[in-house]
Each structure stands twice: as C-alpha cells, then as structure tokens.
C-alpha cells in the first residue's frame, strides 16, 4: 500500500521509472509520448546528459547555502544570464523554487514598492478572469480560475478580475482583431476608474494563457495598450510567464512577441526543464532601487531561495536553449504542429478553435461549431480525452471550464522543444483518436 497522498485518491497513477527524449516509461514498460511536457515543464525532453551532468557537478561542489548568509556562483551566473537576455529595464533576479513562489514574491514586491515610495494606499491588484497564477493563497487570489478558487473563497484576498482577451469567444461580429484588442485592454482602465487608480498597485496577466484557457493568445495591440494604461496611472505591470516563457512560444520571453516589457516578470517551469525545481521573479531597476534606497530589506523569503543546485540546472538549461538554437526550432516545429492540427482537426465538427504560439498550442472542443456552444459540463469531456490519450500512450493536458470556470473544454499541448516531425504526427494522430474515443464514450 502506498503512503503517498496523490492528486486524486480515486485515480492512482502508474509509477514512472525512466525518461528518454520525448517519452516517459512506467514500471510495466509502457511508453508515453510527453505531449504536454508534464505541465509545459520538460522543454528539453527527458534524460538530457548535459543538464544531468551539470547538476551532478554542482552537488559535488556545493548542494545548498542559505541566502540569509551566502550567495553562490550558480545563482549569480543564472541571474546575469537572465538579465543579459531580458526585455526592457528588468535588472534584478529573485530565485525561488517554482511558479507559485515567483508570483507570491511579485505580489509582495509590488506592495512593498509602493509602501517604500510613500503610497501605502496602493494595495489592490487587477488581474483577469480565466487566468492561473499559482496555488498559494496570494497567487490563487490573483488567478481567475473559478474552479480552483471555489472552495477556498473565504481564504482569498479581494482582487479585481476583468474579462480575458478571448478573441474566439468575445470578439463581436464585424469587429477587427485590432479593434477587439483595444476594447479588451480598455477594460483595465474602466476597472481602474471604478476602484480608484490611486488604490491599485499592479495589473497581472499571462502573455499567453496556459492551463485555464488553453494557449489563449492576445489580440493584436492588446498588451501595448495595457502597457500604456499602466504607465498612465502609475501602476506596475506583472507578467506571468511561468508556463509560456523560456522559449515556449518561440522567443525566450513571451512578451517579446507583443513588443512590450513588464515591471515584474515571473518564470519557472521551462527554466529548470524538470531537472530541478526552480522559478524566478525579475524586476526593474526602478523597483529594486526603491527597496535599496529605502529600508533595504525585501520582507519576504523561503528556505530554498537561490538554491545552488537548482540554479546550476537553470544555467545549463538556459545555455542549452540558446547554444543549441532550440528557440528558433520552437518556431519551426510549432508551425508544423499547428499545420498538422489544422489538417487533421481543422474541419472536425467538434473542434471550435486551434490556437497558440510556438510549441504552446490549444484545441478548444465544442458541441456545435456554428454556435460555438460548449459541451454540457456533466459530460466531463476533458477528463475523458485525458484518459483516452493516456491509454493510447500519450500525455496531454485537457481541462474543463475553459469559458467561465464551468463550461467549455480544451486540450493544451506543450511538447519538448526537441520533438521530431514523426513525433508531431504521432501526437496529432493519438490526439485525434483520444478525442473520438471521448466523444463516443
């Protein structure tokens, strides 16, 4: 009998014993194509010797040092590497152990920044519905995933949530994508004026929405208008690239493709590629200097901040992404995956939208293409797709509640950057079979 507390007590998972390239293997020998990289984590695939050797070498030298006393060479090197390639005025790196920690740090830093500046009334965050920013209480409060939030409502912090930029569902007939993007962005200004801009510290968003809405990209011009509104009212822009960053969308930082830079940026998942738990919060020079020239102390912290072994893995992963030319490969293979999905599923009567960037793509399932009506939630379609794909030997990331936390189903795909053309064909073939199996069950 296992003493592990699993994610679902009624669905005990197989035991993973080995990983190689784009595949995972369980203890029965069954092979699974990792079409979602776990949760958009395994960007380099499994069993990458260079990363493994870097982790081993660091363990031989120094496994751990508490940042309350010491920094470490791997942490300093990783920070330098990230800032060298970061957009805009991002200048400092706060290394944590994952995405939720990165977002918690971002929220606390935004608050302390205004306290240090003498604007303590600024404490409100505006975020978006159908977003996901992590599972700790602050990050969960910021997120707009209704299903994840529901039972924890009494514990959550009061924050504002505006509509997402969801072109497939919310663009009006006859409205251009650009006009819709502007209208969607202006919802931020409307909410600022409703709650009082002098009370707001930041706006948080995913450049490409991940698990909750299935690789939902913003309409043209949306984020440029968002940046203008933030600047106009003196609020910070926090971008959550925990899932969509680190090359996943075809550029090292996803916001590069929107032509903007944030005040605070959060990354994780692909930063460690699954070889170590690591995340990071990057902030601008102005934010750092407000702390430096004020109290000098960021009132936050965790035991494993700047973990040397995790940082060594991060250095090896980022160097691999850059030196192996894997980010351009993401764009190339992403185009092939998108084309294959459209060829196989583009005219499927129950596929409403195929979307995404790079190797971060989503398929939204509908009961009727013309009306865009979702399947009844009682069918639990996403769960059936996940189960059918798993039985067929593929791991993907289906989710329900795509539209409003209750209705709608999608499948998120985030395969390793090393995926081959043949494996793209395997992915699309198995996904098609899984969808058909789920629809007829």
Protein backbone atom coordinates (compact mmCIF):
# COMPACT_ATOMS: atom_id res chain seq x y z
CA UNK A 1 0.00 0.00 0.00
CA UNK A 2 1.28 3.45 -0.93
CA UNK A 3 1.60 6.18 1.69
CA UNK A 4 1.81 8.89 -0.95
CA UNK A 5 -1.01 11.46 -0.84
CA UNK A 6 -1.86 11.52 -4.59
CA UNK A 7 -3.51 14.31 -6.53
CA UNK A 8 -6.63 12.17 -6.85
CA UNK A 9 -7.26 9.41 -4.34
CA UNK A 10 -9.58 7.52 -6.72
CA UNK A 11 -7.16 7.58 -9.66
CA UNK A 12 -3.80 6.17 -8.55
CA UNK A 13 -1.20 6.83 -11.25
CA UNK A 14 1.31 4.37 -12.73
CA UNK A 15 4.89 4.53 -11.50
CA UNK A 16 7.27 6.39 -13.80
CA UNK A 17 10.69 4.75 -13.94
CA UNK A 18 12.51 6.22 -16.92
CA UNK A 19 12.53 9.09 -19.38
CA UNK A 20 14.22 9.37 -22.73
CA UNK A 21 13.81 12.24 -25.17
CA UNK A 22 10.10 12.92 -25.71
CA UNK A 23 8.99 9.74 -23.94
CA UNK A 24 8.30 8.54 -20.41
CA UNK A 25 8.10 4.89 -19.34
CA UNK A 26 6.22 3.30 -16.45
CA UNK A 27 7.12 0.23 -14.43
CA UNK A 28 5.19 -2.05 -16.79
CA UNK A 29 7.32 -0.87 -19.70
CA UNK A 30 4.56 1.18 -21.31
CA UNK A 31 5.77 4.18 -23.34
CA UNK A 32 4.07 7.59 -23.26
CA UNK A 33 4.68 10.47 -25.65
CA UNK A 34 5.01 13.51 -23.37
CA UNK A 35 2.91 15.87 -25.47
CA UNK A 36 2.49 18.44 -22.69
CA UNK A 37 5.96 18.33 -21.16
CA UNK A 38 4.20 17.43 -17.92
CA UNK A 39 2.77 20.92 -17.38
CA UNK A 40 4.88 22.73 -20.01
CA UNK A 41 7.98 21.88 -17.97
CA UNK A 42 10.11 19.38 -19.91
CA UNK A 43 11.24 21.69 -22.70
CA UNK A 44 14.48 19.73 -23.28
CA UNK A 45 12.86 16.33 -23.01
CA UNK A 46 13.98 13.63 -20.62
CA UNK A 47 17.45 12.27 -19.94
CA UNK A 48 19.47 15.25 -21.22
CA UNK A 49 23.03 14.32 -20.22
CA UNK A 50 24.41 17.87 -20.25
CA UNK A 51 21.86 19.07 -17.72
CA UNK A 52 22.20 15.95 -15.58
CA UNK A 53 25.99 16.30 -15.55
CA UNK A 54 25.73 19.99 -14.57
CA UNK A 55 23.52 19.08 -11.60
CA UNK A 56 25.86 16.28 -10.54
CA UNK A 57 28.90 18.54 -10.79
CA UNK A 58 27.24 21.16 -8.62
CA UNK A 59 26.30 18.56 -6.00
CA UNK A 60 29.94 17.50 -5.84
CA UNK A 61 30.92 21.10 -5.07
CA UNK A 62 28.05 22.68 -3.10
CA UNK A 63 24.48 21.45 -2.75
CA UNK A 64 22.95 24.20 -0.63
CA UNK A 65 23.67 27.52 1.04
CA UNK A 66 21.03 29.67 2.75
CA UNK A 67 20.70 33.11 1.14
CA UNK A 68 20.32 34.71 4.56
CA UNK A 69 24.05 34.14 4.91
CA UNK A 70 25.62 33.46 1.50
CA UNK A 71 25.09 33.76 -2.23
CA UNK A 72 26.51 31.23 -4.69
CA UNK A 73 28.24 31.27 -8.06
CA UNK A 74 25.45 29.36 -9.87
CA UNK A 75 22.83 31.81 -8.59
CA UNK A 76 24.93 34.82 -9.62
CA UNK A 77 25.63 33.28 -13.03
CA UNK A 78 21.96 32.49 -13.67
CA UNK A 79 20.89 36.00 -12.69
CA UNK A 80 23.46 37.53 -15.03
CA UNK A 81 22.40 35.21 -17.85
CA UNK A 82 18.71 36.02 -17.48
CA UNK A 83 19.22 39.78 -17.27
CA UNK A 84 21.51 39.73 -20.31
CA UNK A 85 18.59 38.44 -22.37
CA UNK A 86 15.66 40.01 -20.51
CA UNK A 87 13.49 42.66 -22.15
CA UNK A 88 13.27 46.31 -21.16
CA UNK A 89 14.64 47.55 -17.85
CA UNK A 90 14.50 44.27 -15.96
CA UNK A 91 17.62 44.29 -13.83
CA UNK A 92 17.36 42.03 -10.77
CA UNK A 93 16.51 38.36 -10.27
CA UNK A 94 14.94 36.73 -7.22
CA UNK A 95 15.38 32.96 -7.45
CA UNK A 96 12.67 30.76 -5.94
CA UNK A 97 11.53 27.14 -6.24
CA UNK A 98 8.57 27.38 -8.60
CA UNK A 99 5.90 29.46 -10.30
CA UNK A 100 3.57 29.98 -7.34
CA UNK A 101 6.51 31.22 -5.25
CA UNK A 102 7.53 33.58 -8.06
CA UNK A 103 4.05 35.11 -8.19
CA UNK A 104 3.84 35.42 -4.41
CA UNK A 105 7.15 37.27 -4.48
CA UNK A 106 5.88 39.52 -7.28
CA UNK A 107 2.73 40.47 -5.38
CA UNK A 108 4.62 41.22 -2.18
CA UNK A 109 7.28 43.20 -4.01
CA UNK A 110 4.64 45.29 -5.80
CA UNK A 111 3.05 46.09 -2.45
CA UNK A 112 6.32 46.88 -0.68
CA UNK A 113 7.45 49.05 -3.61
CA UNK A 114 4.57 51.45 -3.05
CA UNK A 115 4.94 51.37 0.73
CA UNK A 116 8.61 52.31 0.32
CA UNK A 117 7.59 55.10 -2.08
CA UNK A 118 5.17 56.57 0.43
CA UNK A 119 1.97 55.39 -1.29
CA UNK A 120 0.68 52.83 1.22
CA UNK A 121 -2.90 53.16 -0.05
CA UNK A 122 -1.92 51.22 -3.18
CA UNK A 123 -2.67 47.61 -2.35
CA UNK A 124 -5.18 46.38 -4.90
CA UNK A 125 -4.34 44.04 -7.75
CA UNK A 126 -6.27 43.79 -11.00
CA UNK A 127 -5.97 40.53 -12.92
CA UNK A 128 -8.11 38.62 -15.41
CA UNK A 129 -10.82 36.01 -15.36
CA UNK A 130 -9.78 32.63 -16.77
CA UNK A 131 -6.18 33.11 -15.70
CA UNK A 132 -4.00 30.99 -13.47
CA UNK A 133 -1.18 32.36 -11.35
CA UNK A 134 -0.43 29.57 -8.91
CA UNK A 135 -1.87 27.62 -5.98
CA UNK A 136 -0.58 29.50 -2.92
CA UNK A 137 -3.19 31.79 -1.39
CA UNK A 138 -1.90 35.06 -2.83
CA UNK A 139 -1.34 33.59 -6.28
CA UNK A 140 -4.70 31.81 -6.18
CA UNK A 141 -6.37 35.11 -5.25
CA UNK A 142 -4.74 36.74 -8.26
CA UNK A 143 -5.81 33.96 -10.59
CA UNK A 144 -9.21 33.90 -12.21
CA UNK A 145 -9.70 30.13 -12.41
CA UNK A 146 -13.15 29.81 -10.86
CA UNK A 147 -12.95 26.05 -10.31
CA UNK A 148 -9.63 26.21 -8.46
CA UNK A 149 -10.79 29.16 -6.34
CA UNK A 150 -14.30 27.97 -5.43
CA UNK A 151 -13.85 26.05 -2.18
CA UNK A 152 -11.13 28.38 -0.87
CA UNK A 153 -13.17 31.56 -1.33
CA UNK A 154 -13.25 32.55 2.37
CA UNK A 155 -9.45 32.45 2.50
CA UNK A 156 -8.75 34.50 -0.62
CA UNK A 157 -7.73 38.16 -0.87
CA UNK A 158 -10.17 40.55 -2.55
CA UNK A 159 -8.84 41.42 -6.01
CA UNK A 160 -10.38 42.67 -9.25
CA UNK A 161 -10.78 40.45 -12.30
CA UNK A 162 -11.61 41.77 -15.76
CA UNK A 163 -12.53 39.75 -18.84
CA UNK A 164 -9.69 37.98 -20.62
CA UNK A 165 -8.63 38.83 -24.17
CA UNK A 166 -10.50 35.89 -25.70
CA UNK A 167 -10.98 36.60 -29.38
CA UNK A 168 -12.71 33.32 -30.25
CA UNK A 169 -15.46 33.93 -27.68
CA UNK A 170 -15.63 37.68 -27.10
CA UNK A 171 -14.85 39.41 -30.41
CA UNK A 172 -18.02 40.83 -31.91
CA UNK A 173 -19.21 40.09 -35.43
CA UNK A 174 -17.66 42.59 -37.82
CA UNK A 175 -15.10 43.74 -35.26
CA UNK A 176 -11.47 43.60 -36.40
CA UNK A 177 -8.94 41.79 -34.20
CA UNK A 178 -7.21 45.12 -33.58
CA UNK A 179 -10.42 46.84 -32.54
CA UNK A 180 -11.28 43.97 -30.25
CA UNK A 181 -7.79 44.02 -28.70
CA UNK A 182 -8.18 47.72 -27.91
CA UNK A 183 -11.66 47.21 -26.44
CA UNK A 184 -10.49 44.30 -24.30
CA UNK A 185 -7.49 46.26 -23.00
CA UNK A 186 -9.62 49.27 -22.14
CA UNK A 187 -11.46 47.13 -19.60
CA UNK A 188 -8.40 47.66 -17.42
CA UNK A 189 -8.87 51.43 -17.48
CA UNK A 190 -12.57 51.04 -16.71
CA UNK A 191 -11.78 48.93 -13.64
CA UNK A 192 -9.06 51.33 -12.54
CA UNK A 193 -11.51 54.21 -12.62
CA UNK A 194 -14.14 52.15 -10.79
CA UNK A 195 -11.90 51.25 -7.83
CA UNK A 196 -9.76 54.38 -7.92
CA UNK A 197 -6.38 54.21 -9.66
CA UNK A 198 -4.72 55.64 -6.55
CA UNK A 199 -5.60 52.38 -4.75
CA UNK A 200 -4.17 50.00 -7.34
CA UNK A 201 -0.61 48.66 -7.26
CA UNK A 202 -0.48 46.39 -10.32
CA UNK A 203 -2.11 44.53 -13.18
CA UNK A 204 -1.14 40.88 -13.64
CA UNK A 205 -1.59 38.75 -16.76
CA UNK A 206 -0.21 35.78 -18.68
CA UNK A 207 1.03 36.86 -22.14
CA UNK A 208 -0.32 33.54 -23.42
CA UNK A 209 -2.86 31.99 -21.04
CA UNK A 210 -1.92 28.41 -20.22
CA UNK A 211 -3.81 25.74 -18.32
CA UNK A 212 -7.05 27.61 -17.66
CA UNK A 213 -7.85 28.72 -21.21
CA UNK A 214 -5.62 26.56 -23.42
CA UNK A 215 -2.86 28.62 -25.09
CA UNK A 216 -5.02 31.72 -25.42
CA UNK A 217 -3.09 34.45 -27.25
CA UNK A 218 -3.89 38.14 -27.06
CA UNK A 219 -5.37 40.09 -29.96
CA UNK A 220 -3.02 42.45 -31.85
CA UNK A 221 -2.16 45.56 -29.88
CA UNK A 222 -3.75 44.36 -26.65
CA UNK A 223 -0.63 44.35 -24.50
CA UNK A 224 0.72 47.59 -25.94
CA UNK A 225 -2.49 49.29 -24.83
CA UNK A 226 -2.24 47.56 -21.44
CA UNK A 227 1.29 48.94 -21.04
CA UNK A 228 0.04 52.45 -21.91
CA UNK A 229 -2.72 52.26 -19.30
CA UNK A 230 -0.34 51.04 -16.61
CA UNK A 231 2.05 53.90 -17.35
CA UNK A 232 -0.77 56.45 -17.44
CA UNK A 233 -1.95 55.57 -13.94
CA UNK A 234 1.42 54.68 -12.43
CA UNK A 235 0.64 51.03 -11.74
CA UNK A 236 3.02 48.13 -12.23
CA UNK A 237 2.66 45.54 -14.97
CA UNK A 238 3.31 41.99 -13.75
CA UNK A 239 3.61 39.39 -16.48
CA UNK A 240 3.28 35.74 -15.54
CA UNK A 241 5.41 33.71 -17.94
CA UNK A 242 5.66 30.71 -15.65
CA UNK A 243 4.13 28.47 -18.30
CA UNK A 244 4.58 30.40 -21.56
CA UNK A 245 8.12 31.69 -21.01
CA UNK A 246 11.62 30.33 -21.51
CA UNK A 247 11.28 29.79 -25.26
CA UNK A 248 7.92 28.01 -25.15
CA UNK A 249 6.22 30.45 -27.54
CA UNK A 250 9.19 30.98 -29.87
CA UNK A 251 11.10 33.71 -28.03
CA UNK A 252 13.00 33.41 -24.76
CA UNK A 253 10.45 35.68 -23.07
CA UNK A 254 6.90 35.53 -24.41
CA UNK A 255 6.28 39.27 -24.03
CA UNK A 256 8.94 40.00 -26.66
CA UNK A 257 6.39 38.98 -29.30
CA UNK A 258 3.96 41.61 -28.00
CA UNK A 259 6.57 44.36 -28.21
CA UNK A 260 6.43 45.28 -24.52
CA UNK A 261 8.34 44.75 -21.30
CA UNK A 262 6.89 44.47 -17.78
CA UNK A 263 7.94 45.94 -14.47
CA UNK A 264 7.95 42.48 -12.90
CA UNK A 265 8.18 39.17 -14.75
CA UNK A 266 7.78 35.64 -13.39
CA UNK A 267 9.24 32.47 -14.89
CA UNK A 268 9.57 28.86 -13.77
CA UNK A 269 8.68 25.51 -15.43
CA UNK A 270 10.97 25.65 -18.51
CA UNK A 271 13.71 27.40 -16.50
CA UNK A 272 14.59 24.11 -14.84
CA UNK A 273 13.12 21.88 -17.58
CA UNK A 274 12.14 19.41 -14.86
CA UNK A 275 15.73 18.69 -13.81
CA UNK A 276 15.40 20.82 -10.65
CA UNK A 277 12.55 22.80 -9.07
CA UNK A 278 13.26 26.47 -9.80
CA UNK A 279 11.50 29.71 -10.60
CA UNK A 280 12.42 33.37 -10.73
CA UNK A 281 10.95 36.82 -10.33
CA UNK A 282 12.65 39.54 -12.37
CA UNK A 283 12.08 43.20 -11.54
CA UNK A 284 13.05 46.55 -12.99
CA UNK A 285 15.90 48.71 -11.81
CA UNK A 286 13.43 51.32 -10.50
CA UNK A 287 11.66 48.81 -8.26
CA UNK A 288 14.91 47.44 -6.90
CA UNK A 289 16.25 50.93 -6.20
CA UNK A 290 13.11 51.84 -4.27
CA UNK A 291 13.90 49.00 -1.85
CA UNK A 292 17.66 49.62 -1.94
CA UNK A 293 17.28 53.34 -1.16
CA UNK A 294 14.51 52.73 1.37
CA UNK A 295 14.50 50.02 4.02
CA UNK A 296 17.00 47.92 2.06
CA UNK A 297 15.13 44.77 3.08
CA UNK A 298 12.58 42.89 0.97
CA UNK A 299 10.29 41.47 3.61
CA UNK A 300 9.84 38.06 2.05
CA UNK A 301 11.73 34.79 1.70
CA UNK A 302 11.77 31.00 1.58
CA UNK A 303 14.26 28.39 2.75
CA UNK A 304 15.31 27.33 -0.75
CA UNK A 305 15.79 30.75 -2.37
CA UNK A 306 18.69 30.77 -4.80
CA UNK A 307 19.35 27.06 -4.29
CA UNK A 308 22.80 26.44 -5.83
CA UNK A 309 21.95 23.05 -7.35
CA UNK A 310 18.70 24.33 -8.83
CA UNK A 311 20.50 27.43 -10.13
CA UNK A 312 23.17 25.25 -11.77
CA UNK A 313 20.41 23.37 -13.57
CA UNK A 314 18.89 26.70 -14.66
CA UNK A 315 22.20 27.89 -16.07
CA UNK A 316 22.62 24.65 -18.01
CA UNK A 317 19.04 24.79 -19.33
CA UNK A 318 19.17 28.42 -20.49
CA UNK A 319 22.55 27.86 -22.13
CA UNK A 320 21.16 24.78 -23.88
CA UNK A 321 18.20 26.76 -25.20
CA UNK A 322 20.49 29.45 -26.57
CA UNK A 323 23.50 27.47 -27.74
CA UNK A 324 21.57 24.63 -29.37
CA UNK A 325 19.37 27.08 -31.29
CA UNK A 326 16.30 25.48 -29.73
CA UNK A 327 14.21 28.64 -29.62
CA UNK A 328 14.21 29.08 -33.42
CA UNK A 329 13.40 25.37 -33.55
CA UNK A 330 10.34 26.01 -31.38
CA UNK A 331 9.03 28.39 -34.04
CA UNK A 332 9.72 25.89 -36.85
CA UNK A 333 8.26 22.86 -35.10
CA UNK A 334 5.40 24.95 -33.77
CA UNK A 335 4.38 25.84 -37.32
CA UNK A 336 4.47 22.17 -38.24
CA UNK A 337 2.37 21.21 -35.23
CA UNK A 338 -0.18 23.92 -35.99
CA UNK A 339 -0.39 22.82 -39.63
CA UNK A 340 -0.80 19.18 -38.63
CA UNK A 341 -3.55 20.04 -36.14
CA UNK A 342 -5.42 22.06 -38.74
CA UNK A 343 -5.03 19.31 -41.34
CA UNK A 344 -6.36 16.63 -39.01
CA UNK A 345 -8.83 18.53 -36.84
CA UNK A 346 -9.45 21.87 -38.54
CA UNK A 347 -12.77 20.77 -40.04
CA UNK A 348 -13.79 18.47 -37.20
CA UNK A 349 -17.40 19.22 -36.19
CA UNK A 350 -16.41 19.37 -32.52
CA UNK A 351 -13.24 21.46 -32.81
CA UNK A 352 -14.02 25.14 -32.47
CA UNK A 353 -10.61 26.76 -32.26
CA UNK A 354 -6.97 25.78 -32.69
CA UNK A 355 -4.66 28.43 -31.27
CA UNK A 356 -1.34 29.24 -29.66
CA UNK A 357 2.26 30.22 -30.36
CA UNK A 358 5.35 28.13 -30.87
CA UNK A 359 5.09 24.79 -29.09
CA UNK A 360 2.31 26.06 -26.84
CA UNK A 361 -0.97 25.23 -28.52
CA UNK A 362 -4.55 24.56 -27.58
CA UNK A 363 -7.59 22.88 -29.13
CA UNK A 364 -10.99 24.08 -27.91
CA UNK A 365 -13.75 21.49 -28.18
CA UNK A 366 -17.37 22.46 -28.86
CA UNK A 367 -20.70 20.70 -29.19
CA UNK A 368 -21.50 22.83 -32.26
CA UNK A 369 -19.04 24.70 -34.47
CA UNK A 370 -21.54 27.23 -35.81
CA UNK A 371 -22.92 28.39 -32.48
CA UNK A 372 -19.70 27.67 -30.54
CA UNK A 373 -21.88 26.01 -27.91
CA UNK A 374 -19.79 24.05 -25.40
CA UNK A 375 -20.48 20.50 -24.30
CA UNK A 376 -22.54 20.07 -21.16
CA UNK A 377 -20.19 20.11 -18.19
CA UNK A 378 -21.74 16.89 -16.91
CA UNK A 379 -20.07 15.01 -19.77
CA UNK A 380 -16.65 15.73 -18.25
CA UNK A 381 -15.22 15.64 -21.75
CA UNK A 382 -11.74 16.91 -20.92
CA UNK A 383 -11.22 14.14 -18.40
CA UNK A 384 -12.30 11.56 -20.96
CA UNK A 385 -9.84 12.95 -23.52
CA UNK A 386 -7.04 12.80 -20.97
CA UNK A 387 -7.87 9.19 -20.08
CA UNK A 388 -8.18 8.08 -23.71
CA UNK A 389 -4.90 9.74 -24.69
CA UNK A 390 -3.13 8.16 -21.71
CA UNK A 391 -4.44 4.74 -22.65
CA UNK A 392 -3.18 5.33 -26.20
CA UNK A 393 0.29 6.14 -24.85
CA UNK A 394 0.27 9.93 -24.79
CA UNK A 395 0.27 12.51 -22.00
CA UNK A 396 -1.57 15.75 -22.82
CA UNK A 397 -3.22 18.45 -20.70
CA UNK A 398 -7.02 18.64 -21.18
CA UNK A 399 -9.03 20.95 -18.92
CA UNK A 400 -12.68 21.85 -18.41
CA UNK A 401 -14.13 25.25 -17.52
CA UNK A 402 -12.42 26.98 -20.46
CA UNK A 403 -15.08 29.66 -20.90
CA UNK A 404 -16.06 30.64 -17.38
CA UNK A 405 -14.70 28.06 -14.97
CA UNK A 406 -17.69 25.82 -15.51
CA UNK A 407 -18.37 25.42 -19.24
CA UNK A 408 -16.03 24.55 -22.09
CA UNK A 409 -13.26 22.05 -22.74
CA UNK A 410 -9.82 22.32 -24.27
CA UNK A 411 -6.62 20.34 -24.71
CA UNK A 412 -3.29 22.07 -24.04
CA UNK A 413 -0.22 20.83 -25.90
CA UNK A 414 3.34 21.77 -24.87
CA UNK A 415 5.75 19.10 -26.13
CA UNK A 416 9.54 19.19 -25.67
CA UNK A 417 11.40 21.53 -28.00
CA UNK A 418 13.26 18.52 -29.42
CA UNK A 419 10.09 16.95 -30.83
CA UNK A 420 10.65 15.47 -34.30
CA UNK A 421 8.40 15.60 -37.35
CA UNK A 422 7.45 11.95 -36.85
CA UNK A 423 6.59 12.61 -33.23
CA UNK A 424 4.38 15.54 -34.27
CA UNK A 425 2.49 13.12 -36.50
CA UNK A 426 2.27 10.66 -33.60
CA UNK A 427 0.96 13.40 -31.29
CA UNK A 428 -1.75 14.57 -33.68
CA UNK A 429 -2.77 11.02 -34.53
CA UNK A 430 -3.12 9.97 -30.90
CA UNK A 431 -4.91 13.20 -30.01
CA UNK A 432 -7.42 12.62 -32.80
CA UNK A 433 -8.08 9.09 -31.58
CA UNK A 434 -8.45 10.32 -27.99
CA UNK A 435 -10.96 12.98 -28.98
CA UNK A 436 -13.04 10.49 -30.97
CA UNK A 437 -12.93 7.99 -28.11
CA UNK A 438 -14.03 10.64 -25.63
CA UNK A 439 -16.86 11.86 -27.86
CA UNK A 440 -18.31 8.39 -28.23
CA UNK A 441 -17.95 7.32 -24.60
